[in-house]
Amino acid sequence: MRDLFYMILFHHKILFPDSCSEQSFLPAYKSRSIVTRVYLPRRNIATLKMRRDRISRSLLLTNQGFGIILSGIPDSGRSMTAKERSMKLIFILMRTVLYLRFFFHKFSATGSFGKNPARYESFLPTIEGNPIKAGLFRHHVRQFHESSCSVASVACVVNALLESQGRLPGTTVSQQDLLNRVTTAHWKERMGPNGYRGRRGLPLPELGQVVTASLKVFNISHQGVEVVPATRDPEKTAVYLRTLKSRLERFERTGDGIIIAHFDQGSLIHDLNIPHISPVGGFDPDTGEVMLLDVDTSQPCPYAVPFHRFYRAISTNYLHLFHIFGYGRGGYVYIRTT
């Protein structure tokens, strides 16, 4: 069996070599009797190197929309406090569950490994008569570290809106500009190495707060910001889906209404089932596909997924252990532009 995964837990960090074998990719950390190894399927070396940091971030559970900070846990020299031991135990449990789930989907050909996989768009689509949509593609940027998907997503939206209103300065608003000027929800602290009170990334409510604050700071004209948690309540789902599809269609036609999705990335692509944030870049009413401008550095280009899978990803009830860090269910932030 080419796909062998095993872990000897209770390690502190994982170090990746700069070179890798074509037959296997072996990250390992050795400290006394502590070893962690992961074997992945055969890939070409270029692809392995591109995904090396992504795999590292996933193993450390500091990926995208959340993070458990291990930098405060000592490697040596003193005993861990009770809080540090609890955090480490949660870290180990979360990582184990996430990888068991990942390999279950992989071997059973379910989830993102099943039917209707994400379809990647390697060429920029022709966009006419929709300056906001064109602006989102033009200002699509990648996150600058493993937990900054919210910053990259908001930077993309802010620059697209400023440009559509004829107010974009000579240089675009950078992700660092956003963090320096928008202090809501301790955004900058959450992007730091230790997070804010041990939390990195942004849950859906906090994402709505920073979007609202960013539009205000840069004096961007809009008609309101709505935080829309997803639901799987049978009595509410039909209305929710109609509203969401109507908004996607309106955005595709005129650019009215920008959607920033808060979703389970592993439901859409071959990755761990971890909260992630990215703006929606389009909707095809004929095929029902939703285009995501994924800000993850491991994603080579935007990708399209069926509407029902997009809904399933934003309506995922994240792993219960994530609830400790404020992550409940996904959803989206809706910016009314006109």
Protein backbone atom coordinates (compact mmCIF):
# COMPACT_ATOMS: atom_id res chain seq x y z
CA MET A 1 0.00 0.00 0.00
CA ARG A 2 1.59 3.22 -1.20
CA ASP A 3 -0.33 5.43 1.18
CA LEU A 4 1.06 4.73 4.62
CA PHE A 5 0.28 7.05 7.44
CA TYR A 6 1.40 6.61 10.98
CA MET A 7 2.24 8.96 13.76
CA ILE A 8 4.07 8.63 17.03
CA LEU A 9 2.40 11.45 18.92
CA PHE A 10 3.69 13.84 21.55
CA HIS A 11 6.10 15.84 19.47
CA HIS A 12 6.62 19.58 19.44
CA LYS A 13 7.52 20.63 15.92
CA ILE A 14 7.88 19.15 12.45
CA LEU A 15 10.80 20.19 10.25
CA PHE A 16 10.72 19.75 6.50
CA PRO A 17 13.86 19.26 4.41
CA ASP A 18 14.51 21.48 1.40
CA SER A 19 14.90 18.45 -0.81
CA CYS A 20 12.65 15.44 -1.17
CA SER A 21 12.60 12.05 -2.80
CA GLU A 22 10.39 11.39 -5.81
CA GLN A 23 9.21 8.17 -4.18
CA SER A 24 8.18 9.55 -0.84
CA PHE A 25 7.99 12.77 1.06
CA LEU A 26 9.22 12.36 4.59
CA PRO A 27 8.91 15.14 7.14
CA ALA A 28 10.49 14.10 10.39
CA TYR A 29 11.39 15.56 13.72
CA LYS A 30 13.60 13.73 16.17
CA SER A 31 13.95 14.66 19.81
CA ARG A 32 15.01 11.81 22.03
CA SER A 33 12.39 9.13 21.25
CA ILE A 34 10.02 11.52 19.49
CA VAL A 35 9.53 10.91 15.79
CA THR A 36 6.80 11.92 13.36
CA ARG A 37 6.61 10.58 9.83
CA VAL A 38 4.12 11.00 7.03
CA TYR A 39 4.29 9.14 3.73
CA LEU A 40 2.27 10.53 0.84
CA PRO A 41 1.59 9.14 -2.64
CA ARG A 42 4.16 9.51 -5.42
CA ARG A 43 4.15 13.04 -6.86
CA ASN A 44 6.53 14.95 -9.01
CA ILE A 45 9.12 16.95 -7.12
CA ALA A 46 7.76 20.36 -8.16
CA THR A 47 4.34 19.51 -6.74
CA LEU A 48 5.86 18.15 -3.56
CA LYS A 49 7.82 21.31 -2.94
CA MET A 50 4.78 23.47 -3.63
CA ARG A 51 2.75 21.57 -1.04
CA ARG A 52 5.47 21.11 1.54
CA ASP A 53 4.61 24.11 3.69
CA ARG A 54 0.90 23.43 3.36
CA ILE A 55 1.31 19.92 4.75
CA SER A 56 3.44 21.27 7.56
CA ARG A 57 0.79 23.81 8.50
CA SER A 58 -1.91 21.17 8.48
CA LEU A 59 0.07 18.86 10.73
CA LEU A 60 0.60 21.70 13.17
CA LEU A 61 -3.09 22.59 13.05
CA THR A 62 -2.37 26.23 12.39
CA ASN A 63 -4.05 26.15 9.01
CA GLN A 64 -6.31 28.86 7.57
CA GLY A 65 -9.19 29.84 9.79
CA PHE A 66 -7.86 28.65 13.13
CA GLY A 67 -4.78 27.76 15.06
CA ILE A 68 -3.66 26.18 18.29
CA ILE A 69 -0.51 27.89 19.35
CA LEU A 70 2.28 25.54 20.36
CA SER A 71 5.00 28.18 20.55
CA GLY A 72 4.15 28.73 24.21
CA ILE A 73 4.65 25.05 25.00
CA PRO A 74 8.23 24.48 26.12
CA ASP A 75 10.46 22.06 24.27
CA SER A 76 12.70 21.64 27.25
CA GLY A 77 13.97 23.29 30.38
CA ARG A 78 10.73 23.40 32.40
CA SER A 79 7.61 21.38 32.94
CA MET A 80 4.42 22.30 31.11
CA THR A 81 1.68 24.00 33.04
CA ALA A 82 -1.75 22.41 33.35
CA LYS A 83 -3.09 24.75 30.67
CA GLU A 84 -0.26 23.86 28.31
CA ARG A 85 -0.85 20.16 28.87
CA SER A 86 -4.54 20.61 28.14
CA MET A 87 -3.79 22.55 24.95
CA LYS A 88 -1.37 19.88 23.81
CA LEU A 89 -3.87 17.12 24.48
CA ILE A 90 -6.51 18.98 22.44
CA PHE A 91 -3.95 19.52 19.67
CA ILE A 92 -3.11 15.82 19.50
CA LEU A 93 -6.76 14.77 19.54
CA MET A 94 -7.77 17.26 16.84
CA ARG A 95 -4.93 16.30 14.55
CA THR A 96 -5.62 12.59 14.95
CA VAL A 97 -9.33 13.00 14.19
CA LEU A 98 -8.63 15.22 11.18
CA TYR A 99 -6.22 12.74 9.63
CA LEU A 100 -8.45 9.76 10.31
CA ARG A 101 -11.24 11.64 8.55
CA PHE A 102 -8.96 12.63 5.66
CA PHE A 103 -7.81 9.08 4.98
CA PHE A 104 -11.30 7.68 5.41
CA HIS A 105 -12.53 9.96 2.61
CA LYS A 106 -9.49 9.14 0.51
CA PHE A 107 -9.78 5.37 0.74
CA SER A 108 -13.58 5.33 0.49
CA ALA A 109 -13.68 7.84 -2.41
CA THR A 110 -16.08 10.09 -0.53
CA GLY A 111 -16.08 13.80 0.32
CA SER A 112 -13.75 15.79 -1.92
CA PHE A 113 -12.37 12.47 -3.25
CA GLY A 114 -15.80 11.46 -4.52
CA LYS A 115 -17.88 12.53 -7.50
CA ASN A 116 -17.89 16.03 -8.96
CA PRO A 117 -14.41 17.12 -7.84
CA ALA A 118 -13.36 20.76 -7.90
CA ARG A 119 -12.66 21.98 -11.44
CA TYR A 120 -9.64 24.27 -11.66
CA GLU A 121 -9.66 27.33 -13.93
CA SER A 122 -6.14 27.85 -15.23
CA PHE A 123 -7.12 30.79 -17.45
CA LEU A 124 -8.63 34.09 -16.41
CA PRO A 125 -12.22 34.16 -17.67
CA THR A 126 -13.39 36.91 -19.97
CA ILE A 127 -15.33 39.37 -17.81
CA GLU A 128 -17.31 42.15 -19.44
CA GLY A 129 -19.80 44.52 -17.88
CA ASN A 130 -19.03 43.44 -14.33
CA PRO A 131 -16.21 45.61 -12.94
CA ILE A 132 -16.49 44.27 -9.40
CA LYS A 133 -16.11 40.66 -10.50
CA ALA A 134 -13.20 41.63 -12.76
CA GLY A 135 -11.65 43.52 -9.85
CA LEU A 136 -11.87 40.51 -7.55
CA PHE A 137 -9.94 38.41 -10.06
CA ARG A 138 -7.44 41.20 -10.65
CA HIS A 139 -6.77 41.75 -6.93
CA HIS A 140 -6.86 38.10 -5.90
CA VAL A 141 -3.90 37.58 -3.54
CA ARG A 142 -2.50 34.74 -1.48
CA GLN A 143 -2.39 34.67 2.28
CA PHE A 144 0.98 35.59 3.74
CA HIS A 145 1.00 32.82 6.36
CA GLU A 146 -0.97 29.78 7.42
CA SER A 147 -3.68 31.59 9.40
CA SER A 148 -4.15 34.78 7.39
CA CYS A 149 -6.82 33.69 4.90
CA SER A 150 -9.14 36.36 6.32
CA VAL A 151 -6.61 39.13 5.60
CA ALA A 152 -6.02 38.04 2.00
CA SER A 153 -9.76 37.72 1.38
CA VAL A 154 -10.61 41.16 2.77
CA ALA A 155 -7.66 42.77 0.93
CA CYS A 156 -9.00 41.35 -2.35
CA VAL A 157 -12.47 42.73 -1.68
CA VAL A 158 -11.30 46.14 -0.44
CA ASN A 159 -9.11 46.72 -3.49
CA ALA A 160 -11.82 45.56 -5.90
CA LEU A 161 -14.37 47.93 -4.34
CA LEU A 162 -11.97 50.87 -4.19
CA GLU A 163 -11.11 50.34 -7.85
CA SER A 164 -14.79 50.09 -8.88
CA GLN A 165 -15.44 53.41 -7.12
CA GLY A 166 -12.45 55.10 -8.77
CA ARG A 167 -10.64 55.55 -5.47
CA LEU A 168 -7.82 53.05 -5.61
CA PRO A 169 -4.54 54.80 -4.81
CA GLY A 170 -1.37 54.40 -6.84
CA THR A 171 -0.57 51.23 -4.91
CA THR A 172 -3.11 48.69 -3.75
CA VAL A 173 -4.01 48.23 -0.10
CA SER A 174 -1.70 45.55 1.23
CA GLN A 175 -2.53 42.91 3.79
CA GLN A 176 -0.21 44.62 6.24
CA ASP A 177 -2.01 47.93 5.66
CA LEU A 178 -5.24 46.25 6.71
CA LEU A 179 -3.78 44.81 9.89
CA ASN A 180 -2.18 48.13 10.82
CA ARG A 181 -5.35 50.16 10.32
CA VAL A 182 -8.15 47.79 11.31
CA THR A 183 -7.96 46.95 15.02
CA THR A 184 -11.37 45.29 15.34
CA ALA A 185 -11.53 41.77 16.86
CA HIS A 186 -7.81 41.91 17.71
CA TRP A 187 -7.20 41.06 14.07
CA LYS A 188 -3.48 41.80 14.02
CA GLU A 189 -2.90 39.92 17.26
CA ARG A 190 -4.74 36.89 15.86
CA MET A 191 -2.31 36.88 12.93
CA GLY A 192 0.73 36.94 15.21
CA PRO A 193 2.76 33.86 16.17
CA ASN A 194 1.03 33.53 19.54
CA GLY A 195 -2.43 34.63 18.43
CA TYR A 196 -4.85 36.48 20.67
CA ARG A 197 -5.29 34.53 23.89
CA GLY A 198 -4.07 31.44 22.07
CA ARG A 199 -6.45 31.85 19.11
CA ARG A 200 -5.50 32.47 15.50
CA GLY A 201 -7.64 33.09 12.46
CA LEU A 202 -11.22 34.38 12.49
CA PRO A 203 -14.51 32.59 13.17
CA LEU A 204 -17.48 33.77 11.12
CA PRO A 205 -18.79 36.48 13.52
CA GLU A 206 -15.35 38.07 13.83
CA LEU A 207 -14.94 37.95 10.05
CA GLY A 208 -18.10 40.01 9.74
CA GLN A 209 -16.73 42.51 12.24
CA VAL A 210 -13.44 43.04 10.42
CA VAL A 211 -15.17 43.32 7.03
CA THR A 212 -17.46 46.05 8.40
CA ALA A 213 -14.54 47.85 10.03
CA SER A 214 -12.37 47.61 6.89
CA LEU A 215 -15.04 49.20 4.71
CA LYS A 216 -15.41 51.99 7.25
CA VAL A 217 -11.67 52.60 7.62
CA PHE A 218 -11.21 52.94 3.86
CA ASN A 219 -14.46 54.90 3.48
CA ILE A 220 -15.90 52.47 0.94
CA SER A 221 -19.46 53.16 -0.09
CA HIS A 222 -21.80 50.19 0.43
CA GLN A 223 -25.33 49.39 1.54
CA GLY A 224 -24.53 47.13 4.47
CA VAL A 225 -22.75 44.00 5.65
CA GLU A 226 -24.63 40.87 6.68
CA VAL A 227 -23.18 37.88 8.50
CA VAL A 228 -25.10 34.81 7.31
CA PRO A 229 -24.50 31.63 9.33
CA ALA A 230 -25.40 28.52 7.39
CA THR A 231 -28.17 26.20 8.49
CA ARG A 232 -29.15 22.60 7.92
CA ASP A 233 -32.49 22.96 9.62
CA PRO A 234 -34.92 21.26 7.19
CA GLU A 235 -37.50 23.99 7.80
CA LYS A 236 -35.06 26.76 6.90
CA THR A 237 -32.78 25.17 4.30
CA ALA A 238 -35.02 25.75 1.26
CA VAL A 239 -35.29 29.50 1.93
CA TYR A 240 -31.57 29.72 2.69
CA LEU A 241 -30.66 28.02 -0.59
CA ARG A 242 -32.99 30.22 -2.65
CA THR A 243 -31.56 33.36 -1.11
CA LEU A 244 -27.97 32.21 -1.60
CA LYS A 245 -28.52 31.22 -5.23
CA SER A 246 -30.33 34.50 -5.94
CA ARG A 247 -27.39 36.45 -4.52
CA LEU A 248 -24.91 34.44 -6.57
CA GLU A 249 -26.90 35.06 -9.75
CA ARG A 250 -27.15 38.80 -9.03
CA PHE A 251 -23.42 39.00 -8.40
CA GLU A 252 -22.69 37.19 -11.65
CA ARG A 253 -24.93 39.53 -13.66
CA THR A 254 -24.02 42.90 -12.17
CA GLY A 255 -21.47 42.48 -9.39
CA ASP A 256 -24.10 43.47 -6.84
CA GLY A 257 -23.34 41.78 -3.55
CA ILE A 258 -19.96 40.24 -2.69
CA ILE A 259 -19.81 36.95 -0.83
CA ILE A 260 -16.87 36.00 1.38
CA ALA A 261 -17.29 32.33 2.24
CA HIS A 262 -16.35 30.73 5.57
CA PHE A 263 -16.20 27.04 4.73
CA ASP A 264 -14.76 23.60 5.32
CA GLN A 265 -11.95 23.51 2.78
CA GLY A 266 -11.57 19.73 2.93
CA SER A 267 -15.14 19.37 1.67
CA LEU A 268 -14.12 20.92 -1.65
CA ILE A 269 -10.49 19.97 -2.27
CA HIS A 270 -8.13 17.22 -1.16
CA ASP A 271 -7.19 18.64 2.19
CA LEU A 272 -8.03 18.45 5.88
CA ASN A 273 -11.54 19.41 7.01
CA ILE A 274 -10.47 22.72 8.50
CA PRO A 275 -12.20 26.14 8.50
CA HIS A 276 -11.08 28.40 5.66
CA ILE A 277 -12.03 31.80 4.19
CA SER A 278 -12.04 32.96 0.55
CA PRO A 279 -14.15 35.26 -1.66
CA VAL A 280 -16.55 33.94 -4.26
CA GLY A 281 -15.46 34.91 -7.78
CA GLY A 282 -18.41 33.85 -9.90
CA PHE A 283 -21.44 31.67 -10.51
CA ASP A 284 -22.53 29.83 -13.64
CA PRO A 285 -26.35 29.70 -13.71
CA ASP A 286 -26.29 27.09 -16.48
CA THR A 287 -24.11 24.54 -14.69
CA GLY A 288 -24.75 25.71 -11.14
CA GLU A 289 -21.03 25.94 -10.40
CA VAL A 290 -19.65 28.37 -7.83
CA MET A 291 -16.17 29.80 -8.48
CA LEU A 292 -13.93 30.28 -5.44
CA LEU A 293 -10.93 32.60 -5.44
CA ASP A 294 -9.12 30.47 -2.88
CA VAL A 295 -6.37 32.46 -1.15
CA ASP A 296 -4.51 29.34 0.00
CA THR A 297 -0.95 29.35 -1.32
CA SER A 298 -1.24 25.65 -2.20
CA GLN A 299 -4.03 26.28 -4.69
CA PRO A 300 -2.56 27.08 -8.12
CA CYS A 301 -5.67 28.84 -9.44
CA PRO A 302 -9.36 29.44 -8.71
CA TYR A 303 -11.66 26.43 -8.81
CA ALA A 304 -15.35 25.79 -9.42
CA VAL A 305 -17.58 23.41 -7.45
CA PRO A 306 -21.25 22.43 -7.80
CA PHE A 307 -23.68 24.63 -5.90
CA HIS A 308 -24.79 21.79 -3.61
CA ARG A 309 -21.20 21.08 -2.61
CA PHE A 310 -20.55 24.75 -1.96
CA TYR A 311 -23.58 24.83 0.32
CA ARG A 312 -22.43 21.68 2.10
CA ALA A 313 -18.99 23.24 2.68
CA ILE A 314 -20.31 26.49 4.19
CA SER A 315 -22.91 24.65 6.27
CA THR A 316 -20.46 22.22 7.82
CA ASN A 317 -20.57 22.04 11.59
CA TYR A 318 -16.85 22.15 12.28
CA LEU A 319 -15.22 19.51 14.44
CA HIS A 320 -16.58 19.90 17.97
CA LEU A 321 -13.14 20.56 19.42
CA PHE A 322 -13.00 23.68 17.22
CA HIS A 323 -15.91 25.07 19.23
CA ILE A 324 -13.49 25.72 22.09
CA PHE A 325 -11.80 28.27 19.83
CA GLY A 326 -15.01 29.91 18.65
CA TYR A 327 -15.56 27.94 15.44
CA GLY A 328 -19.10 26.64 15.15
CA ARG A 329 -20.72 26.32 11.73
CA GLY A 330 -19.62 28.05 8.52
CA GLY A 331 -21.55 30.54 6.42
CA TYR A 332 -20.71 33.72 4.57
CA VAL A 333 -20.37 37.47 4.87
CA TYR A 334 -22.49 39.36 2.37
CA ILE A 335 -21.55 42.90 1.31
CA ARG A 336 -24.38 44.83 -0.35
CA THR A 337 -22.66 47.01 -2.91
CA THR A 338 -25.68 48.83 -4.37
